[in-house]
Amino acid sequence: MSPSPMQLLIIGLIILVLFGASRLGEVGKGLGDGIRNFKKGISGDDGEDSKADAKQLKETARDGNPSEVAEKKEKV
Protein backbone atom coordinates (compact mmCIF):
# COMPACT_ATOMS: atom_id res chain seq x y z
CA MET A 1 0.00 0.00 0.00
CA SER A 2 1.60 3.26 -1.10
CA PRO A 3 1.08 6.54 0.75
CA SER A 4 -1.30 9.04 -0.79
CA PRO A 5 -0.09 12.51 -1.87
CA MET A 6 -1.80 14.06 1.17
CA GLN A 7 0.10 11.73 3.52
CA LEU A 8 3.40 12.58 1.81
CA LEU A 9 2.63 16.29 2.18
CA ILE A 10 1.95 15.89 5.90
CA ILE A 11 5.17 13.89 6.39
CA GLY A 12 7.12 16.56 4.49
CA LEU A 13 5.67 19.34 6.63
CA ILE A 14 6.54 17.46 9.84
CA ILE A 15 10.13 17.00 8.66
CA LEU A 16 10.32 20.69 7.71
CA VAL A 17 9.11 21.75 11.15
CA LEU A 18 11.50 19.38 12.96
CA PHE A 19 14.66 20.25 11.04
CA GLY A 20 14.01 23.70 9.57
CA ALA A 21 14.46 24.87 6.01
CA SER A 22 18.15 25.77 6.26
CA ARG A 23 19.07 22.45 7.81
CA LEU A 24 17.23 20.54 5.08
CA GLY A 25 19.14 22.49 2.43
CA GLU A 26 22.45 21.57 4.04
CA VAL A 27 21.44 17.91 4.27
CA GLY A 28 20.38 17.87 0.61
CA LYS A 29 23.62 19.52 -0.51
CA GLY A 30 25.69 17.09 1.52
CA LEU A 31 23.77 14.13 0.14
CA GLY A 32 24.25 15.35 -3.44
CA ASP A 33 27.99 15.88 -2.92
CA GLY A 34 28.30 12.42 -1.40
CA ILE A 35 26.54 10.77 -4.32
CA ARG A 36 28.68 12.70 -6.82
CA ASN A 37 31.90 11.70 -5.05
CA PHE A 38 30.74 8.09 -4.86
CA LYS A 39 30.09 7.99 -8.62
CA LYS A 40 33.53 9.50 -9.30
CA GLY A 41 35.13 6.92 -7.03
CA ILE A 42 33.34 4.03 -8.71
CA SER A 43 34.28 5.17 -12.21
CA GLY A 44 37.87 5.84 -11.13
CA ASP A 45 37.80 9.08 -13.09
CA ASP A 46 39.24 12.21 -11.53
CA GLY A 47 37.98 14.31 -14.43
CA GLU A 48 41.36 15.63 -15.57
CA ASP A 49 41.99 12.99 -18.25
CA SER A 50 38.54 13.29 -19.78
CA LYS A 51 38.83 17.09 -19.92
CA ALA A 52 42.17 16.84 -21.71
CA ASP A 53 40.77 14.29 -24.16
CA ALA A 54 37.73 16.47 -24.86
CA LYS A 55 39.98 19.46 -25.53
CA GLN A 56 42.09 17.40 -27.93
CA LEU A 57 38.99 16.19 -29.77
CA LYS A 58 37.72 19.75 -30.17
CA GLU A 59 41.08 20.93 -31.53
CA THR A 60 41.25 18.05 -33.99
CA ALA A 61 37.67 18.67 -35.09
CA ARG A 62 38.54 22.31 -35.79
CA ASP A 63 41.42 21.20 -38.02
CA GLY A 64 38.94 19.33 -40.19
CA ASN A 65 40.45 15.85 -40.21
CA PRO A 66 37.54 13.51 -39.34
CA SER A 67 39.64 10.32 -39.38
CA GLU A 68 41.78 11.58 -36.50
CA VAL A 69 38.66 12.52 -34.56
CA ALA A 70 37.25 9.01 -35.02
CA GLU A 71 40.53 7.41 -33.90
CA LYS A 72 40.66 9.53 -30.76
CA LYS A 73 37.02 8.70 -29.92
CA GLU A 74 37.83 4.99 -30.16
CA LYS A 75 40.69 5.43 -27.68
CA VAL A 76 38.37 7.13 -25.16
PDB file of N, CA and C in Angstrom:
ATOM      1  N   MET A   1       0.846  -1.176   0.000  1.00  0.00           N
ATOM      2  CA  MET A   1       0.000   0.000   0.000  1.00  0.00           C
ATOM      3  C   MET A   1       0.890   1.237   0.000  1.00  0.00           C
ATOM      4  N   SER A   2       0.776   2.061  -0.998  1.00  0.00           N
ATOM      5  CA  SER A   2       1.602   3.257  -1.098  1.00  0.00           C
ATOM      6  C   SER A   2       0.897   4.452  -0.446  1.00  0.00           C
ATOM      7  N   PRO A   3       1.684   5.372   0.097  1.00  0.00           N
ATOM      8  CA  PRO A   3       1.080   6.540   0.751  1.00  0.00           C
ATOM      9  C   PRO A   3       0.457   7.488  -0.282  1.00  0.00           C
ATOM     10  N   SER A   4      -0.625   8.105   0.106  1.00  0.00           N
ATOM     11  CA  SER A   4      -1.300   9.043  -0.790  1.00  0.00           C
ATOM     12  C   SER A   4      -0.524  10.362  -0.823  1.00  0.00           C
ATOM     13  N   PRO A   5      -0.778  11.212  -1.807  1.00  0.00           N
ATOM     14  CA  PRO A   5      -0.093  12.511  -1.871  1.00  0.00           C
ATOM     15  C   PRO A   5      -0.323  13.366  -0.622  1.00  0.00           C
ATOM     16  N   MET A   6      -1.504  13.282  -0.037  1.00  0.00           N
ATOM     17  CA  MET A   6      -1.796  14.057   1.174  1.00  0.00           C
ATOM     18  C   MET A   6      -0.928  13.576   2.336  1.00  0.00           C
ATOM     19  N   GLN A   7      -0.749  12.273   2.462  1.00  0.00           N
ATOM     20  CA  GLN A   7       0.098  11.727   3.522  1.00  0.00           C
ATOM     21  C   GLN A   7       1.547  12.152   3.330  1.00  0.00           C
ATOM     22  N   LEU A   8       2.030  12.146   2.086  1.00  0.00           N
ATOM     23  CA  LEU A   8       3.399  12.579   1.810  1.00  0.00           C
ATOM     24  C   LEU A   8       3.587  14.056   2.145  1.00  0.00           C
ATOM     25  N   LEU A   9       2.579  14.865   1.858  1.00  0.00           N
ATOM     26  CA  LEU A   9       2.630  16.288   2.181  1.00  0.00           C
ATOM     27  C   LEU A   9       2.718  16.508   3.690  1.00  0.00           C
ATOM     28  N   ILE A  10       1.936  15.772   4.444  1.00  0.00           N
ATOM     29  CA  ILE A  10       1.949  15.893   5.902  1.00  0.00           C
ATOM     30  C   ILE A  10       3.303  15.459   6.458  1.00  0.00           C
ATOM     31  N   ILE A  11       3.846  14.370   5.946  1.00  0.00           N
ATOM     32  CA  ILE A  11       5.168  13.893   6.393  1.00  0.00           C
ATOM     33  C   ILE A  11       6.232  14.932   6.072  1.00  0.00           C
ATOM     34  N   GLY A  12       6.161  15.518   4.880  1.00  0.00           N
ATOM     35  CA  GLY A  12       7.115  16.557   4.489  1.00  0.00           C
ATOM     36  C   GLY A  12       7.039  17.774   5.393  1.00  0.00           C
ATOM     37  N   LEU A  13       5.838  18.193   5.742  1.00  0.00           N
ATOM     38  CA  LEU A  13       5.670  19.340   6.633  1.00  0.00           C
ATOM     39  C   LEU A  13       6.218  19.053   8.035  1.00  0.00           C
ATOM     40  N   ILE A  14       6.011  17.841   8.520  1.00  0.00           N
ATOM     41  CA  ILE A  14       6.540  17.462   9.843  1.00  0.00           C
ATOM     42  C   ILE A  14       8.063  17.502   9.828  1.00  0.00           C
ATOM     43  N   ILE A  15       8.666  16.980   8.777  1.00  0.00           N
ATOM     44  CA  ILE A  15      10.131  16.999   8.659  1.00  0.00           C
ATOM     45  C   ILE A  15      10.633  18.435   8.575  1.00  0.00           C
ATOM     46  N   LEU A  16       9.934  19.276   7.831  1.00  0.00           N
ATOM     47  CA  LEU A  16      10.317  20.687   7.707  1.00  0.00           C
ATOM     48  C   LEU A  16      10.262  21.396   9.057  1.00  0.00           C
ATOM     49  N   VAL A  17       9.242  21.117   9.834  1.00  0.00           N
ATOM     50  CA  VAL A  17       9.113  21.749  11.148  1.00  0.00           C
ATOM     51  C   VAL A  17      10.203  21.242  12.097  1.00  0.00           C
ATOM     52  N   LEU A  18      10.500  19.954  12.045  1.00  0.00           N
ATOM     53  CA  LEU A  18      11.499  19.384  12.960  1.00  0.00           C
ATOM     54  C   LEU A  18      12.916  19.878  12.665  1.00  0.00           C
ATOM     55  N   PHE A  19      13.277  19.937  11.389  1.00  0.00           N
ATOM     56  CA  PHE A  19      14.660  20.255  11.036  1.00  0.00           C
ATOM     57  C   PHE A  19      14.870  21.698  10.590  1.00  0.00           C
ATOM     58  N   GLY A  20      13.860  22.337  10.071  1.00  0.00           N
ATOM     59  CA  GLY A  20      14.007  23.700   9.572  1.00  0.00           C
ATOM     60  C   GLY A  20      14.470  23.702   8.125  1.00  0.00           C
ATOM     61  N   ALA A  21      14.169  24.789   7.440  1.00  0.00           N
ATOM     62  CA  ALA A  21      14.460  24.873   6.007  1.00  0.00           C
ATOM     63  C   ALA A  21      15.961  24.917   5.721  1.00  0.00           C
ATOM     64  N   SER A  22      16.720  25.668   6.521  1.00  0.00           N
ATOM     65  CA  SER A  22      18.154  25.774   6.260  1.00  0.00           C
ATOM     66  C   SER A  22      18.862  24.444   6.489  1.00  0.00           C
ATOM     67  N   ARG A  23      18.453  23.745   7.507  1.00  0.00           N
ATOM     68  CA  ARG A  23      19.071  22.451   7.808  1.00  0.00           C
ATOM     69  C   ARG A  23      18.785  21.438   6.700  1.00  0.00           C
ATOM     70  N   LEU A  24      17.565  21.453   6.174  1.00  0.00           N
ATOM     71  CA  LEU A  24      17.228  20.540   5.082  1.00  0.00           C
ATOM     72  C   LEU A  24      18.049  20.842   3.838  1.00  0.00           C
ATOM     73  N   GLY A  25      18.299  22.124   3.569  1.00  0.00           N
ATOM     74  CA  GLY A  25      19.137  22.492   2.425  1.00  0.00           C
ATOM     75  C   GLY A  25      20.551  21.974   2.574  1.00  0.00           C
ATOM     76  N   GLU A  26      21.094  22.075   3.775  1.00  0.00           N
ATOM     77  CA  GLU A  26      22.448  21.572   4.041  1.00  0.00           C
ATOM     78  C   GLU A  26      22.511  20.059   3.883  1.00  0.00           C
ATOM     79  N   VAL A  27      21.481  19.373   4.379  1.00  0.00           N
ATOM     80  CA  VAL A  27      21.443  17.910   4.271  1.00  0.00           C
ATOM     81  C   VAL A  27      21.357  17.501   2.807  1.00  0.00           C
ATOM     82  N   GLY A  28      20.517  18.181   2.034  1.00  0.00           N
ATOM     83  CA  GLY A  28      20.384  17.870   0.610  1.00  0.00           C
ATOM     84  C   GLY A  28      21.674  18.109  -0.156  1.00  0.00           C
ATOM     85  N   LYS A  29      22.354  19.214   0.158  1.00  0.00           N
ATOM     86  CA  LYS A  29      23.617  19.523  -0.510  1.00  0.00           C
ATOM     87  C   LYS A  29      24.673  18.481  -0.169  1.00  0.00           C
ATOM     88  N   GLY A  30      24.730  18.111   1.101  1.00  0.00           N
ATOM     89  CA  GLY A  30      25.694  17.094   1.522  1.00  0.00           C
ATOM     90  C   GLY A  30      25.417  15.747   0.879  1.00  0.00           C
ATOM     91  N   LEU A  31      24.144  15.395   0.766  1.00  0.00           N
ATOM     92  CA  LEU A  31      23.769  14.131   0.139  1.00  0.00           C
ATOM     93  C   LEU A  31      24.148  14.135  -1.345  1.00  0.00           C
ATOM     94  N   GLY A  32      23.892  15.246  -2.027  1.00  0.00           N
ATOM     95  CA  GLY A  32      24.253  15.352  -3.442  1.00  0.00           C
ATOM     96  C   GLY A  32      25.752  15.267  -3.662  1.00  0.00           C
ATOM     97  N   ASP A  33      26.527  15.941  -2.808  1.00  0.00           N
ATOM     98  CA  ASP A  33      27.991  15.878  -2.916  1.00  0.00           C
ATOM     99  C   ASP A  33      28.490  14.457  -2.672  1.00  0.00           C
ATOM    100  N   GLY A  34      27.891  13.796  -1.702  1.00  0.00           N
ATOM    101  CA  GLY A  34      28.298  12.423  -1.402  1.00  0.00           C
ATOM    102  C   GLY A  34      28.036  11.478  -2.558  1.00  0.00           C
ATOM    103  N   ILE A  35      26.875  11.619  -3.179  1.00  0.00           N
ATOM    104  CA  ILE A  35      26.538  10.766  -4.323  1.00  0.00           C
ATOM    105  C   ILE A  35      27.484  11.047  -5.484  1.00  0.00           C
ATOM    106  N   ARG A  36      27.773  12.325  -5.725  1.00  0.00           N
ATOM    107  CA  ARG A  36      28.682  12.700  -6.817  1.00  0.00           C
ATOM    108  C   ARG A  36      30.074  12.123  -6.586  1.00  0.00           C
ATOM    109  N   ASN A  37      30.581  12.241  -5.369  1.00  0.00           N
ATOM    110  CA  ASN A  37      31.902  11.696  -5.053  1.00  0.00           C
ATOM    111  C   ASN A  37      31.918  10.180  -5.157  1.00  0.00           C
ATOM    112  N   PHE A  38      30.827   9.538  -4.761  1.00  0.00           N
ATOM    113  CA  PHE A  38      30.738   8.085  -4.863  1.00  0.00           C
ATOM    114  C   PHE A  38      30.806   7.644  -6.324  1.00  0.00           C
ATOM    115  N   LYS A  39      30.070   8.335  -7.197  1.00  0.00           N
ATOM    116  CA  LYS A  39      30.089   7.986  -8.616  1.00  0.00           C
ATOM    117  C   LYS A  39      31.477   8.183  -9.210  1.00  0.00           C
ATOM    118  N   LYS A  40      32.163   9.271  -8.814  1.00  0.00           N
ATOM    119  CA  LYS A  40      33.526   9.502  -9.297  1.00  0.00           C
ATOM    120  C   LYS A  40      34.458   8.396  -8.814  1.00  0.00           C
ATOM    121  N   GLY A  41      34.283   7.972  -7.575  1.00  0.00           N
ATOM    122  CA  GLY A  41      35.127   6.917  -7.027  1.00  0.00           C
ATOM    123  C   GLY A  41      34.899   5.586  -7.719  1.00  0.00           C
ATOM    124  N   ILE A  42      33.668   5.284  -8.043  1.00  0.00           N
ATOM    125  CA  ILE A  42      33.344   4.030  -8.713  1.00  0.00           C
ATOM    126  C   ILE A  42      33.919   4.012 -10.121  1.00  0.00           C
ATOM    127  N   SER A  43      33.788   5.134 -10.833  1.00  0.00           N
ATOM    128  CA  SER A  43      34.280   5.167 -12.213  1.00  0.00           C
ATOM    129  C   SER A  43      35.802   5.272 -12.257  1.00  0.00           C
ATOM    130  N   GLY A  44      36.424   5.710 -11.157  1.00  0.00           N
ATOM    131  CA  GLY A  44      37.873   5.845 -11.132  1.00  0.00           C
ATOM    132  C   GLY A  44      38.359   7.022 -11.943  1.00  0.00           C
ATOM    133  N   ASP A  45      37.469   7.935 -12.246  1.00  0.00           N
ATOM    134  CA  ASP A  45      37.801   9.078 -13.091  1.00  0.00           C
ATOM    135  C   ASP A  45      37.921  10.317 -12.231  1.00  0.00           C
ATOM    136  N   ASP A  46      39.075  10.978 -12.300  1.00  0.00           N
ATOM    137  CA  ASP A  46      39.244  12.208 -11.531  1.00  0.00           C
ATOM    138  C   ASP A  46      38.835  13.429 -12.343  1.00  0.00           C
ATOM    139  N   GLY A  47      38.467  13.222 -13.602  1.00  0.00           N
ATOM    140  CA  GLY A  47      37.977  14.312 -14.430  1.00  0.00           C
ATOM    141  C   GLY A  47      39.049  14.996 -15.257  1.00  0.00           C
ATOM    142  N   GLU A  48      40.308  14.915 -14.850  1.00  0.00           N
ATOM    143  CA  GLU A  48      41.364  15.629 -15.568  1.00  0.00           C
ATOM    144  C   GLU A  48      41.642  14.994 -16.924  1.00  0.00           C
ATOM    145  N   ASP A  49      41.701  13.668 -16.986  1.00  0.00           N
ATOM    146  CA  ASP A  49      41.991  12.995 -18.245  1.00  0.00           C
ATOM    147  C   ASP A  49      40.882  13.223 -19.264  1.00  0.00           C
ATOM    148  N   SER A  50      39.642  13.123 -18.835  1.00  0.00           N
ATOM    149  CA  SER A  50      38.544  13.290 -19.778  1.00  0.00           C
ATOM    150  C   SER A  50      38.471  14.720 -20.293  1.00  0.00           C
ATOM    151  N   LYS A  51      38.822  15.707 -19.460  1.00  0.00           N
ATOM    152  CA  LYS A  51      38.826  17.093 -19.922  1.00  0.00           C
ATOM    153  C   LYS A  51      39.913  17.309 -20.959  1.00  0.00           C
ATOM    154  N   ALA A  52      41.076  16.707 -20.742  1.00  0.00           N
ATOM    155  CA  ALA A  52      42.166  16.843 -21.706  1.00  0.00           C
ATOM    156  C   ALA A  52      41.806  16.161 -23.026  1.00  0.00           C
ATOM    157  N   ASP A  53      41.176  14.987 -22.951  1.00  0.00           N
ATOM    158  CA  ASP A  53      40.767  14.291 -24.160  1.00  0.00           C
ATOM    159  C   ASP A  53      39.714  15.081 -24.920  1.00  0.00           C
ATOM    160  N   ALA A  54      38.774  15.674 -24.205  1.00  0.00           N
ATOM    161  CA  ALA A  54      37.731  16.467 -24.859  1.00  0.00           C
ATOM    162  C   ALA A  54      38.343  17.676 -25.551  1.00  0.00           C
ATOM    163  N   LYS A  55      39.322  18.298 -24.915  1.00  0.00           N
ATOM    164  CA  LYS A  55      39.976  19.457 -25.526  1.00  0.00           C
ATOM    165  C   LYS A  55      40.707  19.042 -26.800  1.00  0.00           C
ATOM    166  N   GLN A  56      41.377  17.894 -26.757  1.00  0.00           N
ATOM    167  CA  GLN A  56      42.095  17.401 -27.933  1.00  0.00           C
ATOM    168  C   GLN A  56      41.120  17.105 -29.070  1.00  0.00           C
ATOM    169  N   LEU A  57      39.975  16.501 -28.739  1.00  0.00           N
ATOM    170  CA  LEU A  57      38.993  16.191 -29.772  1.00  0.00           C
ATOM    171  C   LEU A  57      38.453  17.461 -30.422  1.00  0.00           C
ATOM    172  N   LYS A  58      38.216  18.494 -29.620  1.00  0.00           N
ATOM    173  CA  LYS A  58      37.723  19.752 -30.172  1.00  0.00           C
ATOM    174  C   LYS A  58      38.751  20.386 -31.093  1.00  0.00           C
ATOM    175  N   GLU A  59      40.026  20.347 -30.698  1.00  0.00           N
ATOM    176  CA  GLU A  59      41.082  20.932 -31.529  1.00  0.00           C
ATOM    177  C   GLU A  59      41.213  20.173 -32.839  1.00  0.00           C
ATOM    178  N   THR A  60      41.139  18.854 -32.779  1.00  0.00           N
ATOM    179  CA  THR A  60      41.248  18.047 -33.986  1.00  0.00           C
ATOM    180  C   THR A  60      40.050  18.286 -34.893  1.00  0.00           C
ATOM    181  N   ALA A  61      38.873  18.430 -34.299  1.00  0.00           N
ATOM    182  CA  ALA A  61      37.670  18.672 -35.093  1.00  0.00           C
ATOM    183  C   ALA A  61      37.759  20.023 -35.805  1.00  0.00           C
ATOM    184  N   ARG A  62      38.369  21.003 -35.164  1.00  0.00           N
ATOM    185  CA  ARG A  62      38.536  22.314 -35.791  1.00  0.00           C
ATOM    186  C   ARG A  62      39.464  22.234 -36.992  1.00  0.00           C
ATOM    187  N   ASP A  63      40.469  21.333 -36.922  1.00  0.00           N
ATOM    188  CA  ASP A  63      41.420  21.203 -38.017  1.00  0.00           C
ATOM    189  C   ASP A  63      40.785  20.564 -39.243  1.00  0.00           C
ATOM    190  N   GLY A  64      39.674  19.865 -39.060  1.00  0.00           N
ATOM    191  CA  GLY A  64      38.936  19.330 -40.194  1.00  0.00           C
ATOM    192  C   GLY A  64      39.399  17.974 -40.664  1.00  0.00           C
ATOM    193  N   ASN A  65      40.040  17.182 -39.832  1.00  0.00           N
ATOM    194  CA  ASN A  65      40.451  15.847 -40.214  1.00  0.00           C
ATOM    195  C   ASN A  65      39.582  14.834 -39.463  1.00  0.00           C
ATOM    196  N   PRO A  66      38.479  14.370 -40.057  1.00  0.00           N
ATOM    197  CA  PRO A  66      37.543  13.512 -39.343  1.00  0.00           C
ATOM    198  C   PRO A  66      38.109  12.143 -38.978  1.00  0.00           C
ATOM    199  N   SER A  67      39.085  11.637 -39.714  1.00  0.00           N
ATOM    200  CA  SER A  67      39.640  10.316 -39.380  1.00  0.00           C
ATOM    201  C   SER A  67      40.384  10.361 -38.045  1.00  0.00           C
ATOM    202  N   GLU A  68      41.084  11.451 -37.775  1.00  0.00           N
ATOM    203  CA  GLU A  68      41.777  11.580 -36.498  1.00  0.00           C
ATOM    204  C   GLU A  68      40.786  11.694 -35.355  1.00  0.00           C
ATOM    205  N   VAL A  69      39.680  12.375 -35.593  1.00  0.00           N
ATOM    206  CA  VAL A  69      38.658  12.517 -34.560  1.00  0.00           C
ATOM    207  C   VAL A  69      38.086  11.146 -34.226  1.00  0.00           C
ATOM    208  N   ALA A  70      37.810  10.343 -35.245  1.00  0.00           N
ATOM    209  CA  ALA A  70      37.252   9.014 -35.024  1.00  0.00           C
ATOM    210  C   ALA A  70      38.235   8.131 -34.265  1.00  0.00           C
ATOM    211  N   GLU A  71      39.522   8.210 -34.601  1.00  0.00           N
ATOM    212  CA  GLU A  71      40.530   7.411 -33.904  1.00  0.00           C
ATOM    213  C   GLU A  71      40.612   7.788 -32.433  1.00  0.00           C
ATOM    214  N   LYS A  72      40.566   9.069 -32.141  1.00  0.00           N
ATOM    215  CA  LYS A  72      40.661   9.526 -30.759  1.00  0.00           C
ATOM    216  C   LYS A  72      39.409   9.119 -29.968  1.00  0.00           C
ATOM    217  N   LYS A  73      38.242   9.113 -30.602  1.00  0.00           N
ATOM    218  CA  LYS A  73      37.024   8.697 -29.921  1.00  0.00           C
ATOM    219  C   LYS A  73      37.097   7.226 -29.564  1.00  0.00           C
ATOM    220  N   GLU A  74      37.702   6.411 -30.439  1.00  0.00           N
ATOM    221  CA  GLU A  74      37.831   4.988 -30.158  1.00  0.00           C
ATOM    222  C   GLU A  74      38.749   4.751 -28.975  1.00  0.00           C
ATOM    223  N   LYS A  75      39.773   5.578 -28.798  1.00  0.00           N
ATOM    224  CA  LYS A  75      40.688   5.429 -27.680  1.00  0.00           C
ATOM    225  C   LYS A  75      40.021   5.764 -26.359  1.00  0.00           C
ATOM    226  N   VAL A  76      39.072   6.697 -26.374  1.00  0.00           N
ATOM    227  CA  VAL A  76      38.366   7.129 -25.160  1.00  0.00           C
ATOM    228  C   VAL A  76      37.411   6.070 -24.792  1.00  0.00           C
TER     229      VAL A  76
END
